[in-house]
Amino acid sequence: MGQSLVKNYVHIIFSTKNRQPFIKQVYEEELFKYLGGVCKALDCAPIQVGGYLDHVHILCLLNKNLTIVKLLEELKTDSSKWMKKRAVELSDFYWQDGYGAFSVNPSEIGIVTDYIQNQRKHHERKSFQDEYRAFLKKYNVDYDERYVWG
């Protein structure tokens, strides 16, 4: 086979350092658009970007020539610098060191999109930590609680 055919949808989740509630409503729309722009610049078509106060979710189509590590490095570095320029209160803005990245079945794109769009409502009853643990359980990811939140 001479042609490389690839289509990998990925759901990325990461939080602010120490889960600080920096993603206030006044900043979130611009931040989500900015993160989508970083994805576009890397040829990772963004499908949905959202989040709530202390974390973000990104659903995108991963570029076949880009690693998850490189995508996350660019997303976090660029957006962190960008956020710090928004306001003095964001001068200590940082993302956590780690992240979650989960493959998404094409038949579930709509479900994941809806989930990301409804983060504000979703987090009225569930903390980010509980949400993230549920993803780790769903995807059968072994983890050490001591190192997840850094």
Foldseek 3Di string as FASTA:
>chain_A
DPDDDDWWKKKKKWWWAVQAQLCDPVNFVVLQVVLQVLCVVQVWHWDAWAAGRTMIITITTDDPVDDPVVSVVSSFVVSLVVQCVPDVVSVVIHIDPDMDMDTDDPVCPVVVRVVRVCRVVVVVPDDPVRVVVVVCVVVVPDDDVVPPRD
